[in-house]
Structures are given as C-alpha cells and as structure tokens.
Amino acid sequence: MKDATKRSIIRWIHIVFAIPIIGYVYSPFNQIPNYATPTRFVFVPVLVLSGLWMWKGQVLRRLISKSSAQ
C-alpha cells in the first residue's frame, strides 16, 4: 500500500471519529450522559492515536524498522 493511501485512510478515520465529539460538545445538557462513555473510551482515544500517527508516524515507523532489522 502506498504511503499516500495510508495517510488518506488515517486522515479519514480522524475526521469520522471527530464528528461524534462535535455532537457531544453541542448536544443538549441532559443528553450528555448518554454520549459520555463512548466519547471518553472510544472516540477520544482513536482521535488522539490517529492524530499522533499523522504527526509523528514517520518517527515511529523508523524506530520499528530499526528494531526489526536487529
């Protein structure tokens, strides 16, 4: 798989998982407890990991390739 395709997939995962967080922020106050658990344990961690991968993924790939070569 090409690097551009991987970046596009990670970018779309990041965008799609950000949509429920926007709904959580702008939902009525009495609806927030319904969205709190999935937002806290699913959407935010995926958003953070995909953001870190887009930001510093090249460093992580370089470290992985060095450790597998040894």
PDB file of N, CA and C in Angstrom:
ATOM      1  N   MET A   1       0.852  -1.176   0.000  1.00  0.00           N
ATOM      2  CA  MET A   1       0.000   0.000   0.000  1.00  0.00           C
ATOM      3  C   MET A   1       0.899   1.241   0.000  1.00  0.00           C
ATOM      4  N   LYS A   2       0.549   2.200  -0.794  1.00  0.00           N
ATOM      5  CA  LYS A   2       1.335   3.428  -0.886  1.00  0.00           C
ATOM      6  C   LYS A   2       1.165   4.271   0.371  1.00  0.00           C
ATOM      7  N   ASP A   3       2.179   5.089   0.636  1.00  0.00           N
ATOM      8  CA  ASP A   3       2.136   5.966   1.815  1.00  0.00           C
ATOM      9  C   ASP A   3       1.003   6.986   1.714  1.00  0.00           C
ATOM     10  N   ALA A   4       0.732   7.463   0.516  1.00  0.00           N
ATOM     11  CA  ALA A   4      -0.358   8.443   0.343  1.00  0.00           C
ATOM     12  C   ALA A   4      -1.703   7.818   0.674  1.00  0.00           C
ATOM     13  N   THR A   5      -1.887   6.560   0.334  1.00  0.00           N
ATOM     14  CA  THR A   5      -3.138   5.870   0.653  1.00  0.00           C
ATOM     15  C   THR A   5      -3.281   5.676   2.157  1.00  0.00           C
ATOM     16  N   LYS A   6      -2.182   5.306   2.816  1.00  0.00           N
ATOM     17  CA  LYS A   6      -2.218   5.149   4.271  1.00  0.00           C
ATOM     18  C   LYS A   6      -2.559   6.465   4.962  1.00  0.00           C
ATOM     19  N   ARG A   7      -1.924   7.553   4.507  1.00  0.00           N
ATOM     20  CA  ARG A   7      -2.222   8.869   5.091  1.00  0.00           C
ATOM     21  C   ARG A   7      -3.678   9.246   4.894  1.00  0.00           C
ATOM     22  N   SER A   8      -4.217   8.952   3.718  1.00  0.00           N
ATOM     23  CA  SER A   8      -5.611   9.278   3.441  1.00  0.00           C
ATOM     24  C   SER A   8      -6.554   8.486   4.346  1.00  0.00           C
ATOM     25  N   ILE A   9      -6.251   7.209   4.552  1.00  0.00           N
ATOM     26  CA  ILE A   9      -7.089   6.382   5.424  1.00  0.00           C
ATOM     27  C   ILE A   9      -7.039   6.891   6.856  1.00  0.00           C
ATOM     28  N   ILE A  10      -5.850   7.180   7.364  1.00  0.00           N
ATOM     29  CA  ILE A  10      -5.711   7.696   8.734  1.00  0.00           C
ATOM     30  C   ILE A  10      -6.413   9.041   8.872  1.00  0.00           C
ATOM     31  N   ARG A  11      -6.297   9.883   7.864  1.00  0.00           N
ATOM     32  CA  ARG A  11      -6.955  11.198   7.895  1.00  0.00           C
ATOM     33  C   ARG A  11      -8.474  11.043   7.970  1.00  0.00           C
ATOM     34  N   TRP A  12      -9.031  10.132   7.174  1.00  0.00           N
ATOM     35  CA  TRP A  12     -10.479   9.940   7.191  1.00  0.00           C
ATOM     36  C   TRP A  12     -10.955   9.312   8.496  1.00  0.00           C
ATOM     37  N   ILE A  13     -10.169   8.411   9.070  1.00  0.00           N
ATOM     38  CA  ILE A  13     -10.503   7.866  10.391  1.00  0.00           C
ATOM     39  C   ILE A  13     -10.553   9.005  11.407  1.00  0.00           C
ATOM     40  N   HIS A  14      -9.583   9.895  11.345  1.00  0.00           N
ATOM     41  CA  HIS A  14      -9.521  11.035  12.257  1.00  0.00           C
ATOM     42  C   HIS A  14     -10.752  11.934  12.098  1.00  0.00           C
ATOM     43  N   ILE A  15     -11.124  12.206  10.870  1.00  0.00           N
ATOM     44  CA  ILE A  15     -12.281  13.072  10.614  1.00  0.00           C
ATOM     45  C   ILE A  15     -13.576  12.417  11.068  1.00  0.00           C
ATOM     46  N   VAL A  16     -13.761  11.142  10.745  1.00  0.00           N
ATOM     47  CA  VAL A  16     -15.003  10.439  11.088  1.00  0.00           C
ATOM     48  C   VAL A  16     -15.169  10.316  12.600  1.00  0.00           C
ATOM     49  N   PHE A  17     -14.086  10.043  13.324  1.00  0.00           N
ATOM     50  CA  PHE A  17     -14.188   9.923  14.774  1.00  0.00           C
ATOM     51  C   PHE A  17     -14.279  11.278  15.468  1.00  0.00           C
ATOM     52  N   ALA A  18     -14.019  12.363  14.769  1.00  0.00           N
ATOM     53  CA  ALA A  18     -14.188  13.694  15.354  1.00  0.00           C
ATOM     54  C   ALA A  18     -15.644  14.139  15.316  1.00  0.00           C
ATOM     55  N   ILE A  19     -16.425  13.619  14.393  1.00  0.00           N
ATOM     56  CA  ILE A  19     -17.827  14.033  14.255  1.00  0.00           C
ATOM     57  C   ILE A  19     -18.644  13.752  15.518  1.00  0.00           C
ATOM     58  N   PRO A  20     -18.565  12.549  16.136  1.00  0.00           N
ATOM     59  CA  PRO A  20     -19.330  12.342  17.383  1.00  0.00           C
ATOM     60  C   PRO A  20     -18.890  13.242  18.532  1.00  0.00           C
ATOM     61  N   ILE A  21     -17.631  13.637  18.550  1.00  0.00           N
ATOM     62  CA  ILE A  21     -17.168  14.537  19.612  1.00  0.00           C
ATOM     63  C   ILE A  21     -17.789  15.915  19.436  1.00  0.00           C
ATOM     64  N   ILE A  22     -17.923  16.350  18.210  1.00  0.00           N
ATOM     65  CA  ILE A  22     -18.607  17.622  17.946  1.00  0.00           C
ATOM     66  C   ILE A  22     -20.058  17.539  18.399  1.00  0.00           C
ATOM     67  N   GLY A  23     -20.705  16.402  18.127  1.00  0.00           N
ATOM     68  CA  GLY A  23     -22.073  16.198  18.604  1.00  0.00           C
ATOM     69  C   GLY A  23     -22.156  16.192  20.115  1.00  0.00           C
ATOM     70  N   TYR A  24     -21.152  15.633  20.762  1.00  0.00           N
ATOM     71  CA  TYR A  24     -21.110  15.613  22.224  1.00  0.00           C
ATOM     72  C   TYR A  24     -21.010  17.023  22.789  1.00  0.00           C
ATOM     73  N   VAL A  25     -20.182  17.834  22.184  1.00  0.00           N
ATOM     74  CA  VAL A  25     -19.977  19.196  22.681  1.00  0.00           C
ATOM     75  C   VAL A  25     -21.220  20.045  22.496  1.00  0.00           C
ATOM     76  N   TYR A  26     -21.895  19.895  21.368  1.00  0.00           N
ATOM     77  CA  TYR A  26     -23.037  20.747  21.058  1.00  0.00           C
ATOM     78  C   TYR A  26     -24.392  20.112  21.380  1.00  0.00           C
ATOM     79  N   SER A  27     -24.407  18.972  22.054  1.00  0.00           N
ATOM     80  CA  SER A  27     -25.681  18.345  22.395  1.00  0.00           C
ATOM     81  C   SER A  27     -26.314  19.054  23.597  1.00  0.00           C
ATOM     82  N   PRO A  28     -27.616  18.897  23.770  1.00  0.00           N
ATOM     83  CA  PRO A  28     -28.266  19.471  24.955  1.00  0.00           C
ATOM     84  C   PRO A  28     -27.685  18.868  26.240  1.00  0.00           C
ATOM     85  N   PHE A  29     -27.716  19.638  27.297  1.00  0.00           N
ATOM     86  CA  PHE A  29     -27.065  19.246  28.548  1.00  0.00           C
ATOM     87  C   PHE A  29     -27.612  17.933  29.103  1.00  0.00           C
ATOM     88  N   ASN A  30     -28.911  17.691  28.964  1.00  0.00           N
ATOM     89  CA  ASN A  30     -29.487  16.460  29.518  1.00  0.00           C
ATOM     90  C   ASN A  30     -29.141  15.223  28.680  1.00  0.00           C
ATOM     91  N   GLN A  31     -28.604  15.392  27.479  1.00  0.00           N
ATOM     92  CA  GLN A  31     -28.202  14.270  26.628  1.00  0.00           C
ATOM     93  C   GLN A  31     -26.739  13.877  26.829  1.00  0.00           C
ATOM     94  N   ILE A  32     -25.968  14.692  27.503  1.00  0.00           N
ATOM     95  CA  ILE A  32     -24.525  14.440  27.637  1.00  0.00           C
ATOM     96  C   ILE A  32     -24.210  13.107  28.317  1.00  0.00           C
ATOM     97  N   PRO A  33     -24.899  12.688  29.371  1.00  0.00           N
ATOM     98  CA  PRO A  33     -24.550  11.380  29.971  1.00  0.00           C
ATOM     99  C   PRO A  33     -24.696  10.204  28.998  1.00  0.00           C
ATOM    100  N   ASN A  34     -25.560  10.310  28.003  1.00  0.00           N
ATOM    101  CA  ASN A  34     -25.712   9.225  27.026  1.00  0.00           C
ATOM    102  C   ASN A  34     -24.484   9.095  26.138  1.00  0.00           C
ATOM    103  N   TYR A  35     -23.803  10.197  25.887  1.00  0.00           N
ATOM    104  CA  TYR A  35     -22.652  10.203  24.993  1.00  0.00           C
ATOM    105  C   TYR A  35     -21.320  10.140  25.721  1.00  0.00           C
ATOM    106  N   ALA A  36     -21.310  10.254  27.036  1.00  0.00           N
ATOM    107  CA  ALA A  36     -20.052  10.400  27.771  1.00  0.00           C
ATOM    108  C   ALA A  36     -19.163   9.164  27.680  1.00  0.00           C
ATOM    109  N   THR A  37     -19.714   7.989  27.904  1.00  0.00           N
ATOM    110  CA  THR A  37     -18.886   6.777  27.922  1.00  0.00           C
ATOM    111  C   THR A  37     -18.274   6.460  26.565  1.00  0.00           C
ATOM    112  N   PRO A  38     -19.060   6.420  25.471  1.00  0.00           N
ATOM    113  CA  PRO A  38     -18.401   6.131  24.188  1.00  0.00           C
ATOM    114  C   PRO A  38     -17.409   7.221  23.782  1.00  0.00           C
ATOM    115  N   THR A  39     -17.713   8.459  24.123  1.00  0.00           N
ATOM    116  CA  THR A  39     -16.797   9.539  23.775  1.00  0.00           C
ATOM    117  C   THR A  39     -15.492   9.392  24.534  1.00  0.00           C
ATOM    118  N   ARG A  40     -15.590   9.095  25.808  1.00  0.00           N
ATOM    119  CA  ARG A  40     -14.403   9.009  26.653  1.00  0.00           C
ATOM    120  C   ARG A  40     -13.529   7.802  26.330  1.00  0.00           C
ATOM    121  N   PHE A  41     -14.141   6.659  26.020  1.00  0.00           N
ATOM    122  CA  PHE A  41     -13.368   5.429  25.881  1.00  0.00           C
ATOM    123  C   PHE A  41     -13.161   4.957  24.445  1.00  0.00           C
ATOM    124  N   VAL A  42     -13.854   5.552  23.473  1.00  0.00           N
ATOM    125  CA  VAL A  42     -13.699   5.121  22.082  1.00  0.00           C
ATOM    126  C   VAL A  42     -13.229   6.273  21.207  1.00  0.00           C
ATOM    127  N   PHE A  43     -14.023   7.331  21.125  1.00  0.00           N
ATOM    128  CA  PHE A  43     -13.767   8.381  20.142  1.00  0.00           C
ATOM    129  C   PHE A  43     -12.513   9.198  20.450  1.00  0.00           C
ATOM    130  N   VAL A  44     -12.330   9.617  21.688  1.00  0.00           N
ATOM    131  CA  VAL A  44     -11.162  10.435  22.026  1.00  0.00           C
ATOM    132  C   VAL A  44      -9.857   9.644  21.887  1.00  0.00           C
ATOM    133  N   PRO A  45      -9.766   8.397  22.393  1.00  0.00           N
ATOM    134  CA  PRO A  45      -8.501   7.669  22.189  1.00  0.00           C
ATOM    135  C   PRO A  45      -8.165   7.426  20.713  1.00  0.00           C
ATOM    136  N   VAL A  46      -9.165   7.090  19.899  1.00  0.00           N
ATOM    137  CA  VAL A  46      -8.902   6.889  18.471  1.00  0.00           C
ATOM    138  C   VAL A  46      -8.469   8.196  17.834  1.00  0.00           C
ATOM    139  N   LEU A  47      -9.093   9.286  18.212  1.00  0.00           N
ATOM    140  CA  LEU A  47      -8.727  10.592  17.677  1.00  0.00           C
ATOM    141  C   LEU A  47      -7.302  10.969  18.070  1.00  0.00           C
ATOM    142  N   VAL A  48      -6.937  10.726  19.310  1.00  0.00           N
ATOM    143  CA  VAL A  48      -5.579  11.049  19.773  1.00  0.00           C
ATOM    144  C   VAL A  48      -4.552  10.180  19.058  1.00  0.00           C
ATOM    145  N   LEU A  49      -4.806   8.876  18.968  1.00  0.00           N
ATOM    146  CA  LEU A  49      -3.846   7.985  18.314  1.00  0.00           C
ATOM    147  C   LEU A  49      -3.690   8.285  16.831  1.00  0.00           C
ATOM    148  N   SER A  50      -4.794   8.562  16.154  1.00  0.00           N
ATOM    149  CA  SER A  50      -4.677   8.875  14.726  1.00  0.00           C
ATOM    150  C   SER A  50      -3.990  10.226  14.525  1.00  0.00           C
ATOM    151  N   GLY A  51      -4.235  11.173  15.402  1.00  0.00           N
ATOM    152  CA  GLY A  51      -3.555  12.463  15.308  1.00  0.00           C
ATOM    153  C   GLY A  51      -2.063  12.339  15.555  1.00  0.00           C
ATOM    154  N   LEU A  52      -1.693  11.554  16.553  1.00  0.00           N
ATOM    155  CA  LEU A  52      -0.268  11.326  16.807  1.00  0.00           C
ATOM    156  C   LEU A  52       0.389  10.578  15.657  1.00  0.00           C
ATOM    157  N   TRP A  53      -0.333   9.630  15.072  1.00  0.00           N
ATOM    158  CA  TRP A  53       0.219   8.889  13.945  1.00  0.00           C
ATOM    159  C   TRP A  53       0.439   9.808  12.745  1.00  0.00           C
ATOM    160  N   MET A  54      -0.502  10.728  12.507  1.00  0.00           N
ATOM    161  CA  MET A  54      -0.312  11.660  11.398  1.00  0.00           C
ATOM    162  C   MET A  54       0.829  12.635  11.683  1.00  0.00           C
ATOM    163  N   TRP A  55       1.003  12.988  12.953  1.00  0.00           N
ATOM    164  CA  TRP A  55       2.007  13.982  13.326  1.00  0.00           C
ATOM    165  C   TRP A  55       3.405  13.367  13.406  1.00  0.00           C
ATOM    166  N   LYS A  56       3.551  12.260  14.129  1.00  0.00           N
ATOM    167  CA  LYS A  56       4.861  11.665  14.381  1.00  0.00           C
ATOM    168  C   LYS A  56       4.952  10.211  13.918  1.00  0.00           C
ATOM    169  N   GLY A  57       4.144   9.822  12.958  1.00  0.00           N
ATOM    170  CA  GLY A  57       4.168   8.449  12.483  1.00  0.00           C
ATOM    171  C   GLY A  57       5.458   8.065  11.814  1.00  0.00           C
ATOM    172  N   GLN A  58       6.099   8.996  11.137  1.00  0.00           N
ATOM    173  CA  GLN A  58       7.356   8.677  10.451  1.00  0.00           C
ATOM    174  C   GLN A  58       8.442   8.312  11.456  1.00  0.00           C
ATOM    175  N   VAL A  59       8.449   8.934  12.624  1.00  0.00           N
ATOM    176  CA  VAL A  59       9.433   8.611  13.651  1.00  0.00           C
ATOM    177  C   VAL A  59       9.171   7.205  14.199  1.00  0.00           C
ATOM    178  N   LEU A  60       7.911   6.888  14.441  1.00  0.00           N
ATOM    179  CA  LEU A  60       7.547   5.568  14.949  1.00  0.00           C
ATOM    180  C   LEU A  60       7.882   4.479  13.934  1.00  0.00           C
ATOM    181  N   ARG A  61       7.596   4.722  12.656  1.00  0.00           N
ATOM    182  CA  ARG A  61       7.937   3.740  11.622  1.00  0.00           C
ATOM    183  C   ARG A  61       9.441   3.536  11.543  1.00  0.00           C
ATOM    184  N   ARG A  62      10.205   4.595  11.687  1.00  0.00           N
ATOM    185  CA  ARG A  62      11.661   4.490  11.656  1.00  0.00           C
ATOM    186  C   ARG A  62      12.162   3.672  12.839  1.00  0.00           C
ATOM    187  N   LEU A  63      11.591   3.878  14.027  1.00  0.00           N
ATOM    188  CA  LEU A  63      12.002   3.101  15.197  1.00  0.00           C
ATOM    189  C   LEU A  63      11.640   1.629  15.049  1.00  0.00           C
ATOM    190  N   ILE A  64      10.458   1.366  14.496  1.00  0.00           N
ATOM    191  CA  ILE A  64      10.027  -0.017  14.294  1.00  0.00           C
ATOM    192  C   ILE A  64      10.921  -0.718  13.289  1.00  0.00           C
ATOM    193  N   SER A  65      11.259  -0.042  12.212  1.00  0.00           N
ATOM    194  CA  SER A  65      12.091  -0.679  11.186  1.00  0.00           C
ATOM    195  C   SER A  65      13.505  -0.926  11.695  1.00  0.00           C
ATOM    196  N   LYS A  66      14.043  -0.049  12.541  1.00  0.00           N
ATOM    197  CA  LYS A  66      15.376  -0.269  13.126  1.00  0.00           C
ATOM    198  C   LYS A  66      15.373  -1.457  14.078  1.00  0.00           C
ATOM    199  N   SER A  67      14.324  -1.576  14.896  1.00  0.00           N
ATOM    200  CA  SER A  67      14.275  -2.675  15.873  1.00  0.00           C
ATOM    201  C   SER A  67      14.027  -4.014  15.173  1.00  0.00           C
ATOM    202  N   SER A  68      13.292  -4.036  14.082  1.00  0.00           N
ATOM    203  CA  SER A  68      13.060  -5.299  13.374  1.00  0.00           C
ATOM    204  C   SER A  68      14.279  -5.716  12.562  1.00  0.00           C
ATOM    205  N   ALA A  69      15.133  -4.768  12.176  1.00  0.00           N
ATOM    206  CA  ALA A  69      16.338  -5.090  11.424  1.00  0.00           C
ATOM    207  C   ALA A  69      17.404  -5.724  12.315  1.00  0.00           C
ATOM    208  N   GLN A  70      17.352  -5.462  13.597  1.00  0.00           N
ATOM    209  CA  GLN A  70      18.362  -6.010  14.510  1.00  0.00           C
ATOM    210  C   GLN A  70      18.010  -7.365  14.867  1.00  0.00           C
TER     211      GLN A  70
END
